[in-house]
Amino acid sequence: MTRCDTSRSSGFALLMAMLLVALVSVALSGVARRSLSRANAANAAATDLQKRWGERSCEAAFVTLAVEQMNKREEKTREPVTQQAGTVTLGGVRFDLLVQDEDAKVNVNHLEAIIGEKSMGKAIRDMVRRVQRDAVPVRLEPLKASIGNAAQQRAMPRYGGYEQVFNMTPSAYLGSMTKPNATSTLFTCWGEGRVNYLRATPAALAAIGDGVIDDAQVSQIIAMRKANPKATMATLTSGLMLSKNDQAKLAGRLTDESRWYSLWTRVDDGQRERYRLAIMTVTKTELTDANANGKVDGPAMSRIVHEVFTW
């Protein structure tokens, strides 16, 4: 073999070696990218799982504590307390929490049954104007049930969520966790329909009492509950001097206790903000263990979660 042939062979071998190195580099780069992508996906999944477990932990622990704190604040101040905010940090993730009394709000399904669909828009706007200056975008899109039998269709609420009542994002609808907007403090789509008059705002009482009580009687209700924060419905109806017919109507619209609560959870990890709304019933169950004085300790709270919405 001549020197020229040897040089050609060496050059070809070098070219092939370089090509092989380039191919290996490309392959390794692809593997690295895939590994990084899988690592990011695994990290995101772990963070998401941590958020979900955190949300459920808050449902299990914070709601009971919040309701008890609300009751204690009422006993101390003799003023209605309808919400309790708090912050919990779990595993480095911050959870902003807000518990609200849904029975202190006007159920839009019950309100529609009282005043009719055509009057709903005006009634909602009037209620908001009584507590804040800014108007809110109302859009009433009730459910048109077309499945199941007639009884099942009647049982389905026409308004099953806030998005059927207001054209607002969850953050705009709720407002601040520590200072919620009127939309989230006045209206609900859940519960049994009756409003807890011991905690309701004058605007809510006026709306739900349409055709039964007037503004003067609303003011009378506020004065009565201030004098006696634990007044029963029997005390209320007798004090208002209503006819038997109006007493029966009012009894179907008002109550003196709260069972339905909501828990708003806001999680913001700096990359994505998520809202979660859980609707639940909270009932009191008396403890059976007596203390040293033979007295039964305060009521324990049990929760049943009914609906959860996530944005």
C-alpha atoms as a PDB file:
ATOM      1  CA  MET A   1       0.000   0.000   0.000  1.00  0.00           C
ATOM      2  CA  THR A   2       1.323   3.396  -0.956  1.00  0.00           C
ATOM      3  CA  ARG A   3       1.594   6.358   1.395  1.00  0.00           C
ATOM      4  CA  CYS A   4      -1.352   7.990  -0.422  1.00  0.00           C
ATOM      5  CA  ASP A   5      -3.571   4.954   0.165  1.00  0.00           C
ATOM      6  CA  THR A   6      -2.602   4.907   3.852  1.00  0.00           C
ATOM      7  CA  SER A   7      -3.517   8.590   4.248  1.00  0.00           C
ATOM      8  CA  ARG A   8      -6.854   8.003   2.589  1.00  0.00           C
ATOM      9  CA  SER A   9      -7.638   5.088   4.886  1.00  0.00           C
ATOM     10  CA  SER A  10      -6.667   7.098   7.960  1.00  0.00           C
ATOM     11  CA  GLY A  11      -8.811  10.041   6.874  1.00  0.00           C
ATOM     12  CA  PHE A  12     -11.791   7.794   6.229  1.00  0.00           C
ATOM     13  CA  ALA A  13     -11.403   6.130   9.639  1.00  0.00           C
ATOM     14  CA  LEU A  14     -11.188   9.519  11.326  1.00  0.00           C
ATOM     15  CA  LEU A  15     -14.300  10.717   9.501  1.00  0.00           C
ATOM     16  CA  MET A  16     -16.210   7.603  10.542  1.00  0.00           C
ATOM     17  CA  ALA A  17     -15.046   8.000  14.135  1.00  0.00           C
ATOM     18  CA  MET A  18     -16.213  11.613  14.182  1.00  0.00           C
ATOM     19  CA  LEU A  19     -19.544  10.611  12.665  1.00  0.00           C
ATOM     20  CA  LEU A  20     -19.910   7.884  15.277  1.00  0.00           C
ATOM     21  CA  VAL A  21     -19.132  10.335  18.074  1.00  0.00           C
ATOM     22  CA  ALA A  22     -21.716  12.760  16.666  1.00  0.00           C
ATOM     23  CA  LEU A  23     -24.360  10.046  16.515  1.00  0.00           C
ATOM     24  CA  VAL A  24     -23.595   8.951  20.082  1.00  0.00           C
ATOM     25  CA  SER A  25     -23.770  12.582  21.235  1.00  0.00           C
ATOM     26  CA  VAL A  26     -27.144  13.060  19.569  1.00  0.00           C
ATOM     27  CA  ALA A  27     -28.421   9.834  21.100  1.00  0.00           C
ATOM     28  CA  LEU A  28     -27.148  10.769  24.557  1.00  0.00           C
ATOM     29  CA  SER A  29     -28.651  14.243  24.191  1.00  0.00           C
ATOM     30  CA  GLY A  30     -32.007  12.698  23.371  1.00  0.00           C
ATOM     31  CA  VAL A  31     -31.746  10.365  26.353  1.00  0.00           C
ATOM     32  CA  ALA A  32     -30.826  13.320  28.574  1.00  0.00           C
ATOM     33  CA  ARG A  33     -33.776  15.343  27.333  1.00  0.00           C
ATOM     34  CA  ARG A  34     -36.153  12.457  27.868  1.00  0.00           C
ATOM     35  CA  SER A  35     -34.734  11.832  31.332  1.00  0.00           C
ATOM     36  CA  LEU A  36     -35.070  15.510  32.217  1.00  0.00           C
ATOM     37  CA  SER A  37     -38.613  15.582  30.866  1.00  0.00           C
ATOM     38  CA  ARG A  38     -39.524  12.495  32.888  1.00  0.00           C
ATOM     39  CA  ALA A  39     -37.886  13.952  35.980  1.00  0.00           C
ATOM     40  CA  ASN A  40     -39.849  17.198  35.566  1.00  0.00           C
ATOM     41  CA  ALA A  41     -43.056  15.254  35.020  1.00  0.00           C
ATOM     42  CA  ALA A  42     -42.370  13.134  38.100  1.00  0.00           C
ATOM     43  CA  ASN A  43     -41.605  16.241  40.147  1.00  0.00           C
ATOM     44  CA  ALA A  44     -44.797  17.943  38.920  1.00  0.00           C
ATOM     45  CA  ALA A  45     -46.822  14.821  39.716  1.00  0.00           C
ATOM     46  CA  ALA A  46     -45.304  14.650  43.200  1.00  0.00           C
ATOM     47  CA  THR A  47     -46.091  18.336  43.795  1.00  0.00           C
ATOM     48  CA  ASP A  48     -49.645  17.887  42.515  1.00  0.00           C
ATOM     49  CA  LEU A  49     -50.118  14.856  44.771  1.00  0.00           C
ATOM     50  CA  GLN A  50     -48.781  16.872  47.701  1.00  0.00           C
ATOM     51  CA  LYS A  51     -51.320  19.631  46.950  1.00  0.00           C
ATOM     52  CA  ARG A  52     -54.202  17.177  46.731  1.00  0.00           C
ATOM     53  CA  TRP A  53     -53.269  15.458  49.981  1.00  0.00           C
ATOM     54  CA  GLY A  54     -52.867  18.878  51.584  1.00  0.00           C
ATOM     55  CA  GLU A  55     -56.334  19.936  50.425  1.00  0.00           C
ATOM     56  CA  ARG A  56     -57.901  16.791  51.833  1.00  0.00           C
ATOM     57  CA  SER A  57     -55.996  17.164  55.091  1.00  0.00           C
ATOM     58  CA  CYS A  58     -57.370  20.689  55.426  1.00  0.00           C
ATOM     59  CA  GLU A  59     -60.895  19.389  54.817  1.00  0.00           C
ATOM     60  CA  ALA A  60     -60.394  16.820  57.554  1.00  0.00           C
ATOM     61  CA  ALA A  61     -58.935  19.159  60.176  1.00  0.00           C
ATOM     62  CA  PHE A  62     -59.448  22.854  59.455  1.00  0.00           C
ATOM     63  CA  VAL A  63     -63.211  22.928  58.943  1.00  0.00           C
ATOM     64  CA  THR A  64     -64.016  21.563  62.397  1.00  0.00           C
ATOM     65  CA  LEU A  65     -61.576  23.999  64.017  1.00  0.00           C
ATOM     66  CA  ALA A  66     -62.926  26.921  61.987  1.00  0.00           C
ATOM     67  CA  VAL A  67     -66.568  26.231  62.878  1.00  0.00           C
ATOM     68  CA  GLU A  68     -65.699  25.950  66.552  1.00  0.00           C
ATOM     69  CA  GLN A  69     -63.760  29.234  66.379  1.00  0.00           C
ATOM     70  CA  MET A  70     -66.708  30.934  64.664  1.00  0.00           C
ATOM     71  CA  ASN A  71     -69.048  29.805  67.446  1.00  0.00           C
ATOM     72  CA  LYS A  72     -66.641  31.005  70.134  1.00  0.00           C
ATOM     73  CA  ARG A  73     -66.225  34.398  68.475  1.00  0.00           C
ATOM     74  CA  GLU A  74     -70.014  34.772  68.352  1.00  0.00           C
ATOM     75  CA  GLU A  75     -70.345  33.985  72.041  1.00  0.00           C
ATOM     76  CA  LYS A  76     -67.667  36.545  72.868  1.00  0.00           C
ATOM     77  CA  THR A  77     -68.764  39.393  70.571  1.00  0.00           C
ATOM     78  CA  ARG A  78     -72.530  38.642  70.443  1.00  0.00           C
ATOM     79  CA  GLU A  79     -72.283  39.433  66.729  1.00  0.00           C
ATOM     80  CA  PRO A  80     -72.856  37.079  63.746  1.00  0.00           C
ATOM     81  CA  VAL A  81     -69.696  35.351  62.501  1.00  0.00           C
ATOM     82  CA  THR A  82     -70.068  33.729  59.093  1.00  0.00           C
ATOM     83  CA  GLN A  83     -66.513  32.939  58.034  1.00  0.00           C
ATOM     84  CA  GLN A  84     -63.065  31.992  59.284  1.00  0.00           C
ATOM     85  CA  ALA A  85     -59.842  32.357  57.305  1.00  0.00           C
ATOM     86  CA  GLY A  86     -56.521  30.660  57.938  1.00  0.00           C
ATOM     87  CA  THR A  87     -53.218  29.624  56.402  1.00  0.00           C
ATOM     88  CA  VAL A  88     -51.541  26.238  56.615  1.00  0.00           C
ATOM     89  CA  THR A  89     -48.110  25.251  55.278  1.00  0.00           C
ATOM     90  CA  LEU A  90     -47.596  21.568  54.520  1.00  0.00           C
ATOM     91  CA  GLY A  91     -44.361  20.290  53.034  1.00  0.00           C
ATOM     92  CA  GLY A  92     -43.326  23.781  51.996  1.00  0.00           C
ATOM     93  CA  VAL A  93     -46.616  24.411  50.136  1.00  0.00           C
ATOM     94  CA  ARG A  94     -48.877  27.212  51.417  1.00  0.00           C
ATOM     95  CA  PHE A  95     -52.627  26.659  51.586  1.00  0.00           C
ATOM     96  CA  ASP A  96     -54.869  29.710  52.028  1.00  0.00           C
ATOM     97  CA  LEU A  97     -58.181  28.608  53.533  1.00  0.00           C
ATOM     98  CA  LEU A  98     -61.605  30.155  54.011  1.00  0.00           C
ATOM     99  CA  VAL A  99     -64.588  28.484  55.696  1.00  0.00           C
ATOM    100  CA  GLN A 100     -67.972  30.115  55.091  1.00  0.00           C
ATOM    101  CA  ASP A 101     -71.414  29.416  56.506  1.00  0.00           C
ATOM    102  CA  GLU A 102     -73.558  28.533  53.481  1.00  0.00           C
ATOM    103  CA  ASP A 103     -76.757  28.667  55.549  1.00  0.00           C
ATOM    104  CA  ALA A 104     -76.117  32.357  56.224  1.00  0.00           C
ATOM    105  CA  LYS A 105     -76.488  33.000  52.476  1.00  0.00           C
ATOM    106  CA  VAL A 106     -79.452  33.095  50.134  1.00  0.00           C
ATOM    107  CA  ASN A 107     -79.874  29.907  48.141  1.00  0.00           C
ATOM    108  CA  VAL A 108     -80.537  31.041  44.568  1.00  0.00           C
ATOM    109  CA  ASN A 109     -82.677  27.971  43.882  1.00  0.00           C
ATOM    110  CA  HIS A 110     -84.937  28.767  46.831  1.00  0.00           C
ATOM    111  CA  LEU A 111     -84.994  32.456  45.911  1.00  0.00           C
ATOM    112  CA  GLU A 112     -86.171  31.659  42.393  1.00  0.00           C
ATOM    113  CA  ALA A 113     -88.959  29.483  43.787  1.00  0.00           C
ATOM    114  CA  ILE A 114     -90.125  32.468  45.855  1.00  0.00           C
ATOM    115  CA  ILE A 115     -89.864  35.387  43.421  1.00  0.00           C
ATOM    116  CA  GLY A 116     -89.843  33.691  39.999  1.00  0.00           C
ATOM    117  CA  GLU A 117     -87.201  33.389  37.291  1.00  0.00           C
ATOM    118  CA  LYS A 118     -87.942  36.777  35.693  1.00  0.00           C
ATOM    119  CA  SER A 119     -87.218  38.686  38.901  1.00  0.00           C
ATOM    120  CA  MET A 120     -83.970  36.884  39.705  1.00  0.00           C
ATOM    121  CA  GLY A 121     -81.519  39.162  37.898  1.00  0.00           C
ATOM    122  CA  LYS A 122     -82.817  42.334  39.517  1.00  0.00           C
ATOM    123  CA  ALA A 123     -83.043  40.734  42.959  1.00  0.00           C
ATOM    124  CA  ILE A 124     -79.425  39.547  42.834  1.00  0.00           C
ATOM    125  CA  ARG A 125     -78.144  42.934  41.639  1.00  0.00           C
ATOM    126  CA  ASP A 126     -80.160  44.748  44.316  1.00  0.00           C
ATOM    127  CA  MET A 127     -78.712  42.519  47.031  1.00  0.00           C
ATOM    128  CA  VAL A 128     -75.156  43.184  45.864  1.00  0.00           C
ATOM    129  CA  ARG A 129     -75.753  46.941  45.721  1.00  0.00           C
ATOM    130  CA  ARG A 130     -76.816  46.916  49.365  1.00  0.00           C
ATOM    131  CA  VAL A 131     -73.345  45.784  50.458  1.00  0.00           C
ATOM    132  CA  GLN A 132     -70.927  47.025  47.784  1.00  0.00           C
ATOM    133  CA  ARG A 133     -70.774  49.760  45.147  1.00  0.00           C
ATOM    134  CA  ASP A 134     -69.349  47.721  42.271  1.00  0.00           C
ATOM    135  CA  ALA A 135     -71.858  45.902  40.068  1.00  0.00           C
ATOM    136  CA  VAL A 136     -71.345  42.241  39.231  1.00  0.00           C
ATOM    137  CA  PRO A 137     -71.861  40.435  35.889  1.00  0.00           C
ATOM    138  CA  VAL A 138     -74.943  38.273  36.415  1.00  0.00           C
ATOM    139  CA  ARG A 139     -75.730  35.487  33.982  1.00  0.00           C
ATOM    140  CA  LEU A 140     -78.543  33.153  34.880  1.00  0.00           C
ATOM    141  CA  GLU A 141     -78.194  29.803  33.128  1.00  0.00           C
ATOM    142  CA  PRO A 142     -80.408  27.340  35.011  1.00  0.00           C
ATOM    143  CA  LEU A 143     -80.164  23.657  34.284  1.00  0.00           C
ATOM    144  CA  LYS A 144     -82.720  22.384  31.805  1.00  0.00           C
ATOM    145  CA  ALA A 145     -83.107  18.815  33.030  1.00  0.00           C
ATOM    146  CA  SER A 146     -83.935  16.371  30.253  1.00  0.00           C
ATOM    147  CA  ILE A 147     -82.917  13.058  31.831  1.00  0.00           C
ATOM    148  CA  GLY A 148     -84.651  10.852  34.377  1.00  0.00           C
ATOM    149  CA  ASN A 149     -88.287  10.903  35.346  1.00  0.00           C
ATOM    150  CA  ALA A 150     -90.274  13.968  36.403  1.00  0.00           C
ATOM    151  CA  ALA A 151     -89.512  13.479  40.114  1.00  0.00           C
ATOM    152  CA  GLN A 152     -85.778  13.168  39.439  1.00  0.00           C
ATOM    153  CA  GLN A 153     -85.794  16.268  37.280  1.00  0.00           C
ATOM    154  CA  ARG A 154     -87.539  18.276  40.007  1.00  0.00           C
ATOM    155  CA  ALA A 155     -84.944  17.076  42.539  1.00  0.00           C
ATOM    156  CA  MET A 156     -82.046  18.383  40.446  1.00  0.00           C
ATOM    157  CA  PRO A 157     -81.168  21.980  41.403  1.00  0.00           C
ATOM    158  CA  ARG A 158     -81.570  24.440  38.557  1.00  0.00           C
ATOM    159  CA  TYR A 159     -78.446  26.233  39.751  1.00  0.00           C
ATOM    160  CA  GLY A 160     -75.748  23.779  40.760  1.00  0.00           C
ATOM    161  CA  GLY A 161     -72.754  26.104  40.758  1.00  0.00           C
ATOM    162  CA  TYR A 162     -71.689  29.737  40.784  1.00  0.00           C
ATOM    163  CA  GLU A 163     -70.805  29.706  37.090  1.00  0.00           C
ATOM    164  CA  GLN A 164     -74.533  29.363  36.339  1.00  0.00           C
ATOM    165  CA  VAL A 165     -75.259  32.604  38.212  1.00  0.00           C
ATOM    166  CA  PHE A 166     -72.243  34.874  37.654  1.00  0.00           C
ATOM    167  CA  ASN A 167     -69.948  35.421  34.696  1.00  0.00           C
ATOM    168  CA  MET A 168     -66.816  35.588  36.827  1.00  0.00           C
ATOM    169  CA  THR A 169     -63.601  33.658  37.402  1.00  0.00           C
ATOM    170  CA  PRO A 170     -63.256  31.959  40.814  1.00  0.00           C
ATOM    171  CA  SER A 171     -60.715  34.540  41.985  1.00  0.00           C
ATOM    172  CA  ALA A 172     -62.947  37.451  40.927  1.00  0.00           C
ATOM    173  CA  TYR A 173     -66.008  35.805  42.413  1.00  0.00           C
ATOM    174  CA  LEU A 174     -64.342  35.054  45.738  1.00  0.00           C
ATOM    175  CA  GLY A 175     -62.116  38.110  46.098  1.00  0.00           C
ATOM    176  CA  SER A 176     -59.608  38.069  48.941  1.00  0.00           C
ATOM    177  CA  MET A 177     -59.450  35.100  51.298  1.00  0.00           C
ATOM    178  CA  THR A 178     -59.541  37.525  54.226  1.00  0.00           C
ATOM    179  CA  LYS A 179     -62.081  39.931  52.701  1.00  0.00           C
ATOM    180  CA  PRO A 180     -64.390  38.061  50.295  1.00  0.00           C
ATOM    181  CA  ASN A 181     -66.604  39.817  47.765  1.00  0.00           C
ATOM    182  CA  ALA A 182     -70.348  40.209  48.183  1.00  0.00           C
ATOM    183  CA  THR A 183     -70.955  37.503  45.588  1.00  0.00           C
ATOM    184  CA  SER A 184     -69.410  34.813  47.796  1.00  0.00           C
ATOM    185  CA  THR A 185     -70.874  36.079  51.078  1.00  0.00           C
ATOM    186  CA  LEU A 186     -74.490  36.582  49.935  1.00  0.00           C
ATOM    187  CA  PHE A 187     -75.314  33.676  47.614  1.00  0.00           C
ATOM    188  CA  THR A 188     -75.118  29.906  47.595  1.00  0.00           C
ATOM    189  CA  CYS A 189     -76.340  27.069  45.392  1.00  0.00           C
ATOM    190  CA  TRP A 190     -76.279  24.436  48.132  1.00  0.00           C
ATOM    191  CA  GLY A 191     -78.013  23.552  51.355  1.00  0.00           C
ATOM    192  CA  GLU A 192     -81.640  23.030  52.238  1.00  0.00           C
ATOM    193  CA  GLY A 193     -82.727  26.522  51.202  1.00  0.00           C
ATOM    194  CA  ARG A 194     -83.566  28.042  54.564  1.00  0.00           C
ATOM    195  CA  VAL A 195     -81.398  30.942  55.777  1.00  0.00           C
ATOM    196  CA  ASN A 196     -79.996  31.106  59.295  1.00  0.00           C
ATOM    197  CA  TYR A 197     -81.499  34.403  60.405  1.00  0.00           C
ATOM    198  CA  LEU A 198     -79.030  34.619  63.312  1.00  0.00           C
ATOM    199  CA  ARG A 199     -76.179  35.052  60.826  1.00  0.00           C
ATOM    200  CA  ALA A 200     -77.752  36.413  57.633  1.00  0.00           C
ATOM    201  CA  THR A 201     -77.134  39.959  56.411  1.00  0.00           C
ATOM    202  CA  PRO A 202     -80.042  42.436  56.212  1.00  0.00           C
ATOM    203  CA  ALA A 203     -79.838  42.137  52.416  1.00  0.00           C
ATOM    204  CA  ALA A 204     -80.250  38.357  52.607  1.00  0.00           C
ATOM    205  CA  LEU A 205     -83.142  38.615  55.068  1.00  0.00           C
ATOM    206  CA  ALA A 206     -84.937  41.165  52.896  1.00  0.00           C
ATOM    207  CA  ALA A 207     -84.555  39.006  49.781  1.00  0.00           C
ATOM    208  CA  ILE A 208     -85.592  35.693  51.319  1.00  0.00           C
ATOM    209  CA  GLY A 209     -88.446  37.349  53.221  1.00  0.00           C
ATOM    210  CA  ASP A 210     -89.939  38.924  50.109  1.00  0.00           C
ATOM    211  CA  GLY A 211     -93.716  39.208  50.442  1.00  0.00           C
ATOM    212  CA  VAL A 212     -93.680  38.201  54.118  1.00  0.00           C
ATOM    213  CA  ILE A 213     -91.572  40.784  55.974  1.00  0.00           C
ATOM    214  CA  ASP A 214     -90.690  44.378  55.083  1.00  0.00           C
ATOM    215  CA  ASP A 215     -87.568  46.466  55.751  1.00  0.00           C
ATOM    216  CA  ALA A 216     -88.888  47.599  59.131  1.00  0.00           C
ATOM    217  CA  GLN A 217     -89.324  43.986  60.208  1.00  0.00           C
ATOM    218  CA  VAL A 218     -85.840  43.142  58.916  1.00  0.00           C
ATOM    219  CA  SER A 219     -84.495  45.861  61.211  1.00  0.00           C
ATOM    220  CA  GLN A 220     -86.583  44.372  64.012  1.00  0.00           C
ATOM    221  CA  ILE A 221     -85.029  40.943  63.391  1.00  0.00           C
ATOM    222  CA  ILE A 222     -81.530  42.427  63.572  1.00  0.00           C
ATOM    223  CA  ALA A 223     -82.387  44.119  66.880  1.00  0.00           C
ATOM    224  CA  MET A 224     -83.936  40.918  68.299  1.00  0.00           C
ATOM    225  CA  ARG A 225     -80.937  38.732  67.513  1.00  0.00           C
ATOM    226  CA  LYS A 226     -78.557  41.364  68.903  1.00  0.00           C
ATOM    227  CA  ALA A 227     -80.467  41.292  72.181  1.00  0.00           C
ATOM    228  CA  ASN A 228     -80.610  37.491  72.159  1.00  0.00           C
ATOM    229  CA  PRO A 229     -78.038  35.865  69.806  1.00  0.00           C
ATOM    230  CA  LYS A 230     -79.527  32.422  70.481  1.00  0.00           C
ATOM    231  CA  ALA A 231     -83.178  33.275  69.930  1.00  0.00           C
ATOM    232  CA  THR A 232     -85.143  30.421  68.363  1.00  0.00           C
ATOM    233  CA  MET A 233     -87.484  30.626  65.399  1.00  0.00           C
ATOM    234  CA  ALA A 234     -90.451  30.474  67.777  1.00  0.00           C
ATOM    235  CA  THR A 235     -89.155  33.579  69.547  1.00  0.00           C
ATOM    236  CA  LEU A 236     -88.632  35.324  66.223  1.00  0.00           C
ATOM    237  CA  THR A 237     -92.079  34.672  64.759  1.00  0.00           C
ATOM    238  CA  SER A 238     -93.875  35.589  67.975  1.00  0.00           C
ATOM    239  CA  GLY A 239     -91.895  38.806  68.275  1.00  0.00           C
ATOM    240  CA  LEU A 240     -92.731  39.885  64.718  1.00  0.00           C
ATOM    241  CA  MET A 241     -96.494  39.638  65.305  1.00  0.00           C
ATOM    242  CA  LEU A 242     -97.116  37.821  62.032  1.00  0.00           C
ATOM    243  CA  SER A 243    -100.279  36.076  60.937  1.00  0.00           C
ATOM    244  CA  LYS A 244    -100.306  32.284  61.105  1.00  0.00           C
ATOM    245  CA  ASN A 245    -100.039  32.114  57.346  1.00  0.00           C
ATOM    246  CA  ASP A 246     -96.984  34.402  57.281  1.00  0.00           C
ATOM    247  CA  GLN A 247     -95.464  32.555  60.234  1.00  0.00           C
ATOM    248  CA  ALA A 248     -95.678  29.307  58.243  1.00  0.00           C
ATOM    249  CA  LYS A 249     -94.127  30.965  55.188  1.00  0.00           C
ATOM    250  CA  LEU A 250     -91.290  32.434  57.230  1.00  0.00           C
ATOM    251  CA  ALA A 251     -90.632  29.085  58.916  1.00  0.00           C
ATOM    252  CA  GLY A 252     -90.077  27.621  55.446  1.00  0.00           C
ATOM    253  CA  ARG A 253     -87.547  30.313  54.611  1.00  0.00           C
ATOM    254  CA  LEU A 254     -85.598  30.891  57.828  1.00  0.00           C
ATOM    255  CA  THR A 255     -83.925  28.707  60.437  1.00  0.00           C
ATOM    256  CA  ASP A 256     -81.972  29.264  63.661  1.00  0.00           C
ATOM    257  CA  GLU A 257     -79.063  26.894  62.971  1.00  0.00           C
ATOM    258  CA  SER A 258     -76.369  26.224  60.385  1.00  0.00           C
ATOM    259  CA  ARG A 259     -75.417  22.845  58.948  1.00  0.00           C
ATOM    260  CA  TRP A 260     -73.964  23.607  55.522  1.00  0.00           C
ATOM    261  CA  TYR A 261     -70.463  25.044  55.166  1.00  0.00           C
ATOM    262  CA  SER A 262     -67.974  25.607  52.374  1.00  0.00           C
ATOM    263  CA  LEU A 263     -64.191  25.427  52.357  1.00  0.00           C
ATOM    264  CA  TRP A 264     -62.280  27.486  49.812  1.00  0.00           C
ATOM    265  CA  THR A 265     -58.664  26.392  49.339  1.00  0.00           C
ATOM    266  CA  ARG A 266     -56.194  28.464  47.343  1.00  0.00           C
ATOM    267  CA  VAL A 267     -52.831  26.951  46.435  1.00  0.00           C
ATOM    268  CA  ASP A 268     -50.178  28.984  44.603  1.00  0.00           C
ATOM    269  CA  ASP A 269     -46.762  27.409  44.079  1.00  0.00           C
ATOM    270  CA  GLY A 270     -45.467  30.356  42.054  1.00  0.00           C
ATOM    271  CA  GLN A 271     -46.211  28.657  38.746  1.00  0.00           C
ATOM    272  CA  ARG A 272     -49.896  27.858  38.929  1.00  0.00           C
ATOM    273  CA  GLU A 273     -52.751  29.091  41.069  1.00  0.00           C
ATOM    274  CA  ARG A 274     -55.490  26.611  41.900  1.00  0.00           C
ATOM    275  CA  TYR A 275     -58.817  27.058  43.683  1.00  0.00           C
ATOM    276  CA  ARG A 276     -60.791  24.260  45.280  1.00  0.00           C
ATOM    277  CA  LEU A 277     -64.276  24.547  46.749  1.00  0.00           C
ATOM    278  CA  ALA A 278     -65.708  21.794  48.942  1.00  0.00           C
ATOM    279  CA  ILE A 279     -69.327  21.866  50.113  1.00  0.00           C
ATOM    280  CA  MET A 280     -70.116  19.903  53.254  1.00  0.00           C
ATOM    281  CA  THR A 281     -72.504  19.460  56.144  1.00  0.00           C
ATOM    282  CA  VAL A 282     -71.151  19.929  59.658  1.00  0.00           C
ATOM    283  CA  THR A 283     -73.218  18.446  62.462  1.00  0.00           C
ATOM    284  CA  LYS A 284     -72.761  18.491  66.221  1.00  0.00           C
ATOM    285  CA  THR A 285     -72.412  15.180  68.029  1.00  0.00           C
ATOM    286  CA  GLU A 286     -72.239  15.252  71.808  1.00  0.00           C
ATOM    287  CA  LEU A 287     -69.173  13.641  73.374  1.00  0.00           C
ATOM    288  CA  THR A 288     -69.854  10.808  75.798  1.00  0.00           C
ATOM    289  CA  ASP A 289     -66.697  11.151  77.945  1.00  0.00           C
ATOM    290  CA  ALA A 290     -67.217  13.205  81.086  1.00  0.00           C
ATOM    291  CA  ASN A 291     -64.461  15.192  82.727  1.00  0.00           C
ATOM    292  CA  ALA A 292     -63.522  15.202  86.412  1.00  0.00           C
ATOM    293  CA  ASN A 293     -66.488  17.409  87.288  1.00  0.00           C
ATOM    294  CA  GLY A 294     -68.909  15.027  85.669  1.00  0.00           C
ATOM    295  CA  LYS A 295     -69.672  17.476  82.850  1.00  0.00           C
ATOM    296  CA  VAL A 296     -69.719  16.508  79.206  1.00  0.00           C
ATOM    297  CA  ASP A 297     -67.082  18.294  77.175  1.00  0.00           C
ATOM    298  CA  GLY A 298     -68.101  20.572  74.296  1.00  0.00           C
ATOM    299  CA  PRO A 299     -69.606  19.321  71.046  1.00  0.00           C
ATOM    300  CA  ALA A 300     -67.481  17.489  68.517  1.00  0.00           C
ATOM    301  CA  MET A 301     -68.065  18.228  64.852  1.00  0.00           C
ATOM    302  CA  SER A 302     -68.568  15.649  62.123  1.00  0.00           C
ATOM    303  CA  ARG A 303     -68.320  16.449  58.419  1.00  0.00           C
ATOM    304  CA  ILE A 304     -69.808  14.934  55.294  1.00  0.00           C
ATOM    305  CA  VAL A 305     -68.372  16.264  52.049  1.00  0.00           C
ATOM    306  CA  HIS A 306     -70.973  16.518  49.303  1.00  0.00           C
ATOM    307  CA  GLU A 307     -69.456  18.311  46.321  1.00  0.00           C
ATOM    308  CA  VAL A 308     -66.016  19.452  45.239  1.00  0.00           C
ATOM    309  CA  PHE A 309     -65.136  21.918  42.491  1.00  0.00           C
ATOM    310  CA  THR A 310     -61.601  22.646  41.255  1.00  0.00           C
ATOM    311  CA  TRP A 311     -60.382  25.421  38.993  1.00  0.00           C
END
